[in-house]
């Protein structure tokens, strides 16, 4: 992702009009998905490539929740199209929410913040988990 941001960094200051496009791409999202290896033929989002990437990312204690996250985010996955309305941000938000909500018990931090976060996400289906900044006191 940093590589894509670097391609537009100079165009970000004093900008007016539409978001800048990285050279060689139609939009920033296309660049990010491409660099992640998630675009297939015709610049279409490739769910098989996503599943393969998730298999590598969701390993060990995280492996059992991979299918849950894929299923819960199925709509976001099907709707993700670079440069067209439904964006990678929605997909990543879904992954973050569902991964957090389905955190394996062996890795779960038993704190009031985690409990409150899960309850808030149940009440507010579009909310992201609150992640405090390390080293900053409440």
N, C-alpha and C. Protein backbone atom coordinates (compact mmCIF):
# COMPACT_ATOMS: atom_id res chain seq x y z
N UNK A 1 0.82 -1.18 0.00
CA UNK A 1 0.00 0.00 0.00
C UNK A 1 0.87 1.25 0.00
N UNK A 2 1.97 1.23 0.76
CA UNK A 2 2.84 2.40 0.80
C UNK A 2 3.37 2.74 -0.58
N UNK A 3 3.65 1.71 -1.36
CA UNK A 3 4.14 1.94 -2.72
C UNK A 3 3.12 2.73 -3.54
N UNK A 4 1.85 2.43 -3.37
CA UNK A 4 0.79 3.13 -4.10
C UNK A 4 0.65 4.57 -3.60
N UNK A 5 0.73 4.75 -2.28
CA UNK A 5 0.65 6.10 -1.73
C UNK A 5 1.84 6.93 -2.20
N UNK A 6 3.01 6.31 -2.25
CA UNK A 6 4.20 7.03 -2.74
C UNK A 6 4.01 7.53 -4.17
N UNK A 7 3.25 6.79 -4.98
CA UNK A 7 3.01 7.19 -6.36
C UNK A 7 2.14 8.45 -6.48
N UNK A 8 1.40 8.78 -5.43
CA UNK A 8 0.54 9.97 -5.48
C UNK A 8 0.92 11.03 -4.45
N UNK A 9 1.93 10.76 -3.65
CA UNK A 9 2.30 11.66 -2.54
C UNK A 9 2.46 13.11 -2.99
N UNK A 10 3.17 13.36 -4.07
CA UNK A 10 3.41 14.72 -4.54
C UNK A 10 2.11 15.40 -5.00
N UNK A 11 1.13 14.60 -5.40
CA UNK A 11 -0.13 15.15 -5.90
C UNK A 11 -1.13 15.43 -4.78
N UNK A 12 -0.79 15.06 -3.53
CA UNK A 12 -1.73 15.19 -2.43
C UNK A 12 -1.78 16.59 -1.83
N UNK A 13 -0.69 17.34 -1.89
CA UNK A 13 -0.67 18.67 -1.29
C UNK A 13 -1.35 19.68 -2.20
N UNK A 14 -2.08 20.58 -1.58
CA UNK A 14 -2.80 21.64 -2.31
C UNK A 14 -3.65 21.10 -3.45
N UNK A 15 -4.31 20.00 -3.21
CA UNK A 15 -5.09 19.33 -4.24
C UNK A 15 -6.52 19.84 -4.26
N UNK A 16 -7.06 19.99 -5.46
CA UNK A 16 -8.48 20.24 -5.64
C UNK A 16 -8.95 19.27 -6.72
N UNK A 17 -10.22 18.97 -6.73
CA UNK A 17 -10.74 18.05 -7.74
C UNK A 17 -10.71 16.62 -7.28
N UNK A 18 -10.78 15.69 -8.23
CA UNK A 18 -10.85 14.26 -7.87
C UNK A 18 -9.55 13.77 -7.24
N UNK A 19 -9.63 12.64 -6.53
CA UNK A 19 -8.42 12.09 -5.91
C UNK A 19 -7.38 11.78 -6.98
N UNK A 20 -6.11 11.92 -6.63
CA UNK A 20 -5.05 11.64 -7.60
C UNK A 20 -4.96 10.14 -7.92
N UNK A 21 -4.50 9.85 -9.15
CA UNK A 21 -4.36 8.46 -9.57
C UNK A 21 -2.87 8.12 -9.63
N UNK A 22 -2.49 6.95 -9.07
CA UNK A 22 -1.11 6.51 -9.23
C UNK A 22 -0.83 6.23 -10.71
N UNK A 23 0.34 6.60 -11.17
CA UNK A 23 0.69 6.38 -12.58
C UNK A 23 0.56 4.90 -12.93
N UNK A 24 -0.18 4.62 -14.01
CA UNK A 24 -0.38 3.25 -14.48
C UNK A 24 -1.63 2.59 -13.93
N UNK A 25 -2.38 3.30 -13.08
CA UNK A 25 -3.60 2.75 -12.48
C UNK A 25 -4.74 3.75 -12.62
N UNK A 26 -5.98 3.24 -12.59
CA UNK A 26 -7.14 4.12 -12.71
C UNK A 26 -7.52 4.78 -11.39
N UNK A 27 -7.07 4.19 -10.25
CA UNK A 27 -7.36 4.77 -8.94
C UNK A 27 -6.44 4.13 -7.91
N UNK A 28 -6.40 4.71 -6.71
CA UNK A 28 -5.54 4.21 -5.64
C UNK A 28 -5.93 2.78 -5.25
N UNK A 29 -7.24 2.50 -5.18
CA UNK A 29 -7.70 1.17 -4.79
C UNK A 29 -7.21 0.10 -5.76
N UNK A 30 -7.24 0.43 -7.05
CA UNK A 30 -6.76 -0.53 -8.05
C UNK A 30 -5.28 -0.82 -7.84
N UNK A 31 -4.51 0.21 -7.54
CA UNK A 31 -3.09 0.03 -7.27
C UNK A 31 -2.89 -0.90 -6.07
N UNK A 32 -3.62 -0.63 -4.98
CA UNK A 32 -3.47 -1.43 -3.76
C UNK A 32 -3.83 -2.89 -4.01
N UNK A 33 -4.99 -3.13 -4.62
CA UNK A 33 -5.42 -4.51 -4.90
C UNK A 33 -4.44 -5.20 -5.84
N UNK A 34 -3.94 -4.47 -6.81
CA UNK A 34 -2.98 -5.04 -7.76
C UNK A 34 -1.69 -5.43 -7.05
N UNK A 35 -1.17 -4.54 -6.21
CA UNK A 35 0.08 -4.81 -5.49
C UNK A 35 -0.09 -5.96 -4.50
N UNK A 36 -1.31 -6.14 -4.01
CA UNK A 36 -1.59 -7.26 -3.10
C UNK A 36 -1.80 -8.57 -3.87
N UNK A 37 -1.84 -8.48 -5.20
CA UNK A 37 -2.05 -9.67 -6.02
C UNK A 37 -3.49 -10.15 -6.03
N UNK A 38 -4.45 -9.24 -5.80
CA UNK A 38 -5.85 -9.63 -5.68
C UNK A 38 -6.70 -9.29 -6.91
N UNK A 39 -6.06 -8.83 -7.97
CA UNK A 39 -6.80 -8.55 -9.19
C UNK A 39 -6.51 -9.63 -10.22
N UNK A 40 -7.55 -10.05 -10.89
CA UNK A 40 -7.41 -11.06 -11.93
C UNK A 40 -7.57 -10.44 -13.30
N UNK A 41 -8.03 -11.24 -14.22
CA UNK A 41 -8.22 -10.83 -15.60
C UNK A 41 -9.17 -9.64 -15.69
N UNK A 42 -8.84 -8.69 -16.52
CA UNK A 42 -9.69 -7.52 -16.72
C UNK A 42 -9.77 -6.62 -15.49
N UNK A 43 -8.77 -6.68 -14.63
CA UNK A 43 -8.72 -5.88 -13.40
C UNK A 43 -9.90 -6.16 -12.48
N UNK A 44 -10.42 -7.38 -12.52
CA UNK A 44 -11.53 -7.78 -11.66
C UNK A 44 -10.98 -8.36 -10.36
N UNK A 45 -11.70 -8.10 -9.27
CA UNK A 45 -11.31 -8.63 -7.97
C UNK A 45 -11.40 -10.15 -8.02
N UNK A 46 -10.36 -10.84 -7.58
CA UNK A 46 -10.27 -12.30 -7.68
C UNK A 46 -10.45 -12.93 -6.29
N UNK A 47 -11.63 -13.50 -6.04
CA UNK A 47 -11.92 -14.08 -4.73
C UNK A 47 -11.05 -15.30 -4.43
N UNK A 48 -10.66 -16.04 -5.44
CA UNK A 48 -9.78 -17.20 -5.22
C UNK A 48 -8.42 -16.74 -4.70
N UNK A 49 -7.93 -15.64 -5.25
CA UNK A 49 -6.64 -15.11 -4.78
C UNK A 49 -6.78 -14.59 -3.35
N UNK A 50 -7.93 -14.00 -3.04
CA UNK A 50 -8.17 -13.54 -1.68
C UNK A 50 -8.18 -14.72 -0.71
N UNK A 51 -8.86 -15.79 -1.07
CA UNK A 51 -8.92 -16.98 -0.21
C UNK A 51 -7.53 -17.54 0.02
N UNK A 52 -6.69 -17.55 -1.01
CA UNK A 52 -5.32 -18.05 -0.87
C UNK A 52 -4.50 -17.15 0.05
N UNK A 53 -4.68 -15.85 -0.08
CA UNK A 53 -3.98 -14.89 0.77
C UNK A 53 -4.43 -15.07 2.23
N UNK A 54 -5.73 -15.25 2.42
CA UNK A 54 -6.25 -15.44 3.77
C UNK A 54 -5.75 -16.74 4.39
N UNK A 55 -5.58 -17.76 3.57
CA UNK A 55 -5.07 -19.03 4.09
C UNK A 55 -3.70 -18.83 4.72
N UNK A 56 -2.88 -18.00 4.08
CA UNK A 56 -1.55 -17.70 4.61
C UNK A 56 -1.63 -16.79 5.83
N UNK A 57 -2.55 -15.83 5.80
CA UNK A 57 -2.65 -14.84 6.88
C UNK A 57 -3.34 -15.40 8.12
N UNK A 58 -4.35 -16.22 7.94
CA UNK A 58 -5.12 -16.78 9.05
C UNK A 58 -4.60 -18.20 9.32
N UNK A 59 -3.49 -18.25 10.05
CA UNK A 59 -2.90 -19.56 10.35
C UNK A 59 -2.85 -19.75 11.87
N UNK A 60 -2.44 -20.93 12.28
CA UNK A 60 -2.37 -21.22 13.71
C UNK A 60 -3.74 -21.12 14.36
N UNK A 61 -3.80 -20.41 15.49
CA UNK A 61 -5.07 -20.25 16.20
C UNK A 61 -6.10 -19.46 15.40
N UNK A 62 -5.64 -18.69 14.41
CA UNK A 62 -6.54 -17.88 13.59
C UNK A 62 -7.19 -18.69 12.47
N UNK A 63 -6.63 -19.83 12.12
CA UNK A 63 -7.12 -20.61 10.97
C UNK A 63 -8.62 -20.93 11.02
N UNK A 64 -9.17 -21.33 12.17
CA UNK A 64 -10.59 -21.69 12.18
C UNK A 64 -11.55 -20.54 11.84
N UNK A 65 -11.11 -19.28 12.02
CA UNK A 65 -12.06 -18.19 11.77
C UNK A 65 -12.01 -17.70 10.32
N UNK A 66 -11.08 -18.19 9.53
CA UNK A 66 -10.96 -17.75 8.14
C UNK A 66 -12.27 -17.91 7.39
N UNK A 67 -12.89 -19.07 7.50
CA UNK A 67 -14.14 -19.32 6.79
C UNK A 67 -15.28 -18.43 7.31
N UNK A 68 -15.29 -18.18 8.61
CA UNK A 68 -16.31 -17.32 9.21
C UNK A 68 -16.18 -15.91 8.63
N UNK A 69 -14.95 -15.40 8.60
CA UNK A 69 -14.72 -14.05 8.08
C UNK A 69 -15.08 -13.98 6.60
N UNK A 70 -14.69 -14.98 5.82
CA UNK A 70 -15.02 -14.99 4.39
C UNK A 70 -16.54 -15.00 4.20
N UNK A 71 -17.25 -15.81 4.97
CA UNK A 71 -18.70 -15.91 4.83
C UNK A 71 -19.38 -14.59 5.24
N UNK A 72 -18.97 -14.04 6.39
CA UNK A 72 -19.58 -12.80 6.87
C UNK A 72 -19.31 -11.63 5.93
N UNK A 73 -18.17 -11.65 5.24
CA UNK A 73 -17.79 -10.55 4.35
C UNK A 73 -18.08 -10.87 2.89
N UNK A 74 -18.84 -11.92 2.65
CA UNK A 74 -19.13 -12.35 1.28
C UNK A 74 -19.71 -11.22 0.42
N UNK A 75 -20.66 -10.48 0.97
CA UNK A 75 -21.27 -9.39 0.21
C UNK A 75 -20.21 -8.34 -0.16
N UNK A 76 -19.39 -7.96 0.81
CA UNK A 76 -18.33 -6.97 0.55
C UNK A 76 -17.35 -7.50 -0.49
N UNK A 77 -17.04 -8.78 -0.42
CA UNK A 77 -16.11 -9.38 -1.39
C UNK A 77 -16.69 -9.31 -2.79
N UNK A 78 -17.96 -9.69 -2.93
CA UNK A 78 -18.60 -9.69 -4.25
C UNK A 78 -18.76 -8.29 -4.82
N UNK A 79 -18.91 -7.30 -3.94
CA UNK A 79 -19.14 -5.93 -4.40
C UNK A 79 -17.86 -5.14 -4.64
N UNK A 80 -16.73 -5.66 -4.19
CA UNK A 80 -15.48 -4.91 -4.33
C UNK A 80 -15.08 -4.85 -5.79
N UNK A 81 -15.00 -3.63 -6.28
CA UNK A 81 -14.58 -3.37 -7.66
C UNK A 81 -13.74 -2.11 -7.62
N UNK A 82 -12.47 -2.22 -7.96
CA UNK A 82 -11.62 -1.04 -7.90
C UNK A 82 -12.21 0.09 -8.73
N UNK A 83 -12.18 1.28 -8.17
CA UNK A 83 -12.59 2.51 -8.86
C UNK A 83 -14.09 2.59 -9.12
N UNK A 84 -14.89 1.69 -8.55
CA UNK A 84 -16.34 1.71 -8.76
C UNK A 84 -17.05 1.62 -7.42
N UNK A 85 -17.64 2.69 -7.00
CA UNK A 85 -18.49 2.72 -5.81
C UNK A 85 -18.00 1.95 -4.61
N UNK A 86 -18.33 0.67 -4.53
CA UNK A 86 -18.00 -0.14 -3.37
C UNK A 86 -16.48 -0.35 -3.35
N UNK A 87 -15.85 0.03 -2.27
CA UNK A 87 -14.39 0.09 -2.29
C UNK A 87 -13.71 -0.91 -1.37
N UNK A 88 -12.41 -0.92 -1.49
CA UNK A 88 -11.58 -1.78 -0.66
C UNK A 88 -11.74 -1.43 0.82
N UNK A 89 -12.04 -0.15 1.12
CA UNK A 89 -12.21 0.23 2.52
C UNK A 89 -13.34 -0.55 3.18
N UNK A 90 -14.43 -0.75 2.46
CA UNK A 90 -15.56 -1.52 2.99
C UNK A 90 -15.17 -2.96 3.24
N UNK A 91 -14.40 -3.52 2.33
CA UNK A 91 -13.95 -4.90 2.48
C UNK A 91 -13.00 -5.03 3.68
N UNK A 92 -12.04 -4.13 3.79
CA UNK A 92 -11.10 -4.18 4.90
C UNK A 92 -11.79 -3.95 6.24
N UNK A 93 -12.78 -3.05 6.25
CA UNK A 93 -13.55 -2.80 7.48
C UNK A 93 -14.28 -4.08 7.90
N UNK A 94 -14.87 -4.77 6.94
CA UNK A 94 -15.56 -6.01 7.24
C UNK A 94 -14.59 -7.04 7.82
N UNK A 95 -13.43 -7.20 7.19
CA UNK A 95 -12.43 -8.15 7.69
C UNK A 95 -12.01 -7.80 9.11
N UNK A 96 -11.75 -6.52 9.37
CA UNK A 96 -11.33 -6.08 10.69
C UNK A 96 -12.41 -6.39 11.73
N UNK A 97 -13.66 -6.02 11.43
CA UNK A 97 -14.77 -6.26 12.35
C UNK A 97 -14.93 -7.75 12.65
N UNK A 98 -14.99 -8.56 11.60
CA UNK A 98 -15.27 -9.98 11.80
C UNK A 98 -14.10 -10.71 12.44
N UNK A 99 -12.89 -10.30 12.13
CA UNK A 99 -11.72 -10.90 12.77
C UNK A 99 -11.74 -10.57 14.26
N UNK A 100 -12.01 -9.32 14.58
CA UNK A 100 -12.07 -8.90 15.98
C UNK A 100 -13.18 -9.63 16.72
N UNK A 101 -14.37 -9.67 16.13
CA UNK A 101 -15.51 -10.31 16.78
C UNK A 101 -15.31 -11.81 16.98
N UNK A 102 -14.51 -12.43 16.13
CA UNK A 102 -14.31 -13.88 16.19
C UNK A 102 -12.92 -14.26 16.69
N UNK A 103 -12.30 -13.37 17.42
CA UNK A 103 -10.95 -13.62 17.94
C UNK A 103 -10.93 -14.96 18.71
N UNK A 104 -9.94 -15.81 18.41
CA UNK A 104 -9.86 -17.10 19.12
C UNK A 104 -9.68 -16.89 20.62
N UNK A 105 -10.34 -17.72 21.40
CA UNK A 105 -10.28 -17.62 22.86
C UNK A 105 -8.85 -17.65 23.38
N UNK A 106 -7.98 -18.42 22.71
CA UNK A 106 -6.59 -18.53 23.16
C UNK A 106 -5.82 -17.22 23.01
N UNK A 107 -6.32 -16.30 22.18
CA UNK A 107 -5.64 -15.03 21.95
C UNK A 107 -6.40 -13.82 22.48
N UNK A 108 -7.57 -14.08 23.03
CA UNK A 108 -8.44 -13.01 23.49
C UNK A 108 -7.90 -12.37 24.76
N UNK A 109 -7.88 -11.05 24.78
CA UNK A 109 -7.51 -10.30 25.98
C UNK A 109 -8.79 -10.08 26.78
N UNK A 110 -8.80 -10.61 27.96
CA UNK A 110 -9.99 -10.47 28.81
C UNK A 110 -9.95 -9.12 29.51
N UNK A 111 -10.50 -8.11 28.85
CA UNK A 111 -10.53 -6.77 29.44
C UNK A 111 -11.90 -6.16 29.20
N UNK A 112 -12.20 -5.14 30.00
CA UNK A 112 -13.47 -4.43 29.82
C UNK A 112 -13.53 -3.78 28.45
N UNK A 113 -12.40 -3.26 27.96
CA UNK A 113 -12.38 -2.63 26.65
C UNK A 113 -12.77 -3.61 25.55
N UNK A 114 -12.21 -4.81 25.57
CA UNK A 114 -12.54 -5.82 24.56
C UNK A 114 -14.02 -6.23 24.66
N UNK A 115 -14.48 -6.44 25.88
CA UNK A 115 -15.89 -6.82 26.08
C UNK A 115 -16.81 -5.70 25.58
N UNK A 116 -16.51 -4.47 25.96
CA UNK A 116 -17.33 -3.32 25.53
C UNK A 116 -17.29 -3.16 24.01
N UNK A 117 -16.13 -3.38 23.42
CA UNK A 117 -15.97 -3.27 21.97
C UNK A 117 -16.88 -4.27 21.25
N UNK A 118 -16.85 -5.52 21.70
CA UNK A 118 -17.67 -6.56 21.07
C UNK A 118 -19.16 -6.23 21.20
N UNK A 119 -19.56 -5.78 22.38
CA UNK A 119 -20.96 -5.42 22.60
C UNK A 119 -21.36 -4.24 21.71
N UNK A 120 -20.49 -3.24 21.59
CA UNK A 120 -20.78 -2.08 20.75
C UNK A 120 -20.91 -2.47 19.28
N UNK A 121 -20.06 -3.38 18.83
CA UNK A 121 -20.13 -3.81 17.43
C UNK A 121 -21.39 -4.62 17.17
N UNK A 122 -21.91 -5.31 18.17
CA UNK A 122 -23.17 -6.03 18.01
C UNK A 122 -24.34 -5.05 17.90
N UNK A 123 -24.30 -4.00 18.71
CA UNK A 123 -25.36 -2.98 18.68
C UNK A 123 -25.28 -2.10 17.44
N UNK A 124 -24.06 -1.85 16.96
CA UNK A 124 -23.83 -0.93 15.84
C UNK A 124 -23.14 -1.68 14.70
N UNK A 125 -23.91 -2.29 13.81
CA UNK A 125 -23.35 -3.17 12.78
C UNK A 125 -22.33 -2.52 11.83
N UNK A 126 -22.29 -1.20 11.75
CA UNK A 126 -21.32 -0.60 10.85
C UNK A 126 -20.10 -0.03 11.59
N UNK A 127 -20.04 -0.23 12.90
CA UNK A 127 -18.92 0.29 13.69
C UNK A 127 -17.67 -0.57 13.54
N UNK A 128 -16.53 0.09 13.59
CA UNK A 128 -15.25 -0.61 13.62
C UNK A 128 -14.83 -0.76 15.07
N UNK A 129 -13.99 -1.74 15.36
CA UNK A 129 -13.52 -1.87 16.75
C UNK A 129 -12.67 -0.66 17.13
N UNK A 130 -12.80 -0.24 18.37
CA UNK A 130 -11.97 0.84 18.89
C UNK A 130 -10.65 0.24 19.29
N UNK A 131 -9.57 0.74 18.74
CA UNK A 131 -8.25 0.25 19.07
C UNK A 131 -7.44 1.40 19.65
N UNK A 132 -7.21 1.40 20.97
CA UNK A 132 -6.47 2.51 21.58
C UNK A 132 -5.03 2.57 21.08
N UNK A 133 -4.48 3.75 21.14
CA UNK A 133 -3.10 3.96 20.71
C UNK A 133 -2.18 3.51 21.83
N UNK A 134 -1.20 2.67 21.50
CA UNK A 134 -0.28 2.16 22.51
C UNK A 134 0.46 3.30 23.19
N UNK A 135 0.54 3.24 24.51
CA UNK A 135 1.28 4.23 25.27
C UNK A 135 0.47 5.46 25.64
N UNK A 136 -0.77 5.53 25.19
CA UNK A 136 -1.61 6.67 25.54
C UNK A 136 -2.59 6.23 26.61
N UNK A 137 -2.56 6.90 27.73
CA UNK A 137 -3.44 6.54 28.84
C UNK A 137 -4.85 7.00 28.56
N UNK A 138 -5.84 6.25 29.10
CA UNK A 138 -7.26 6.62 28.95
C UNK A 138 -7.59 7.84 29.77
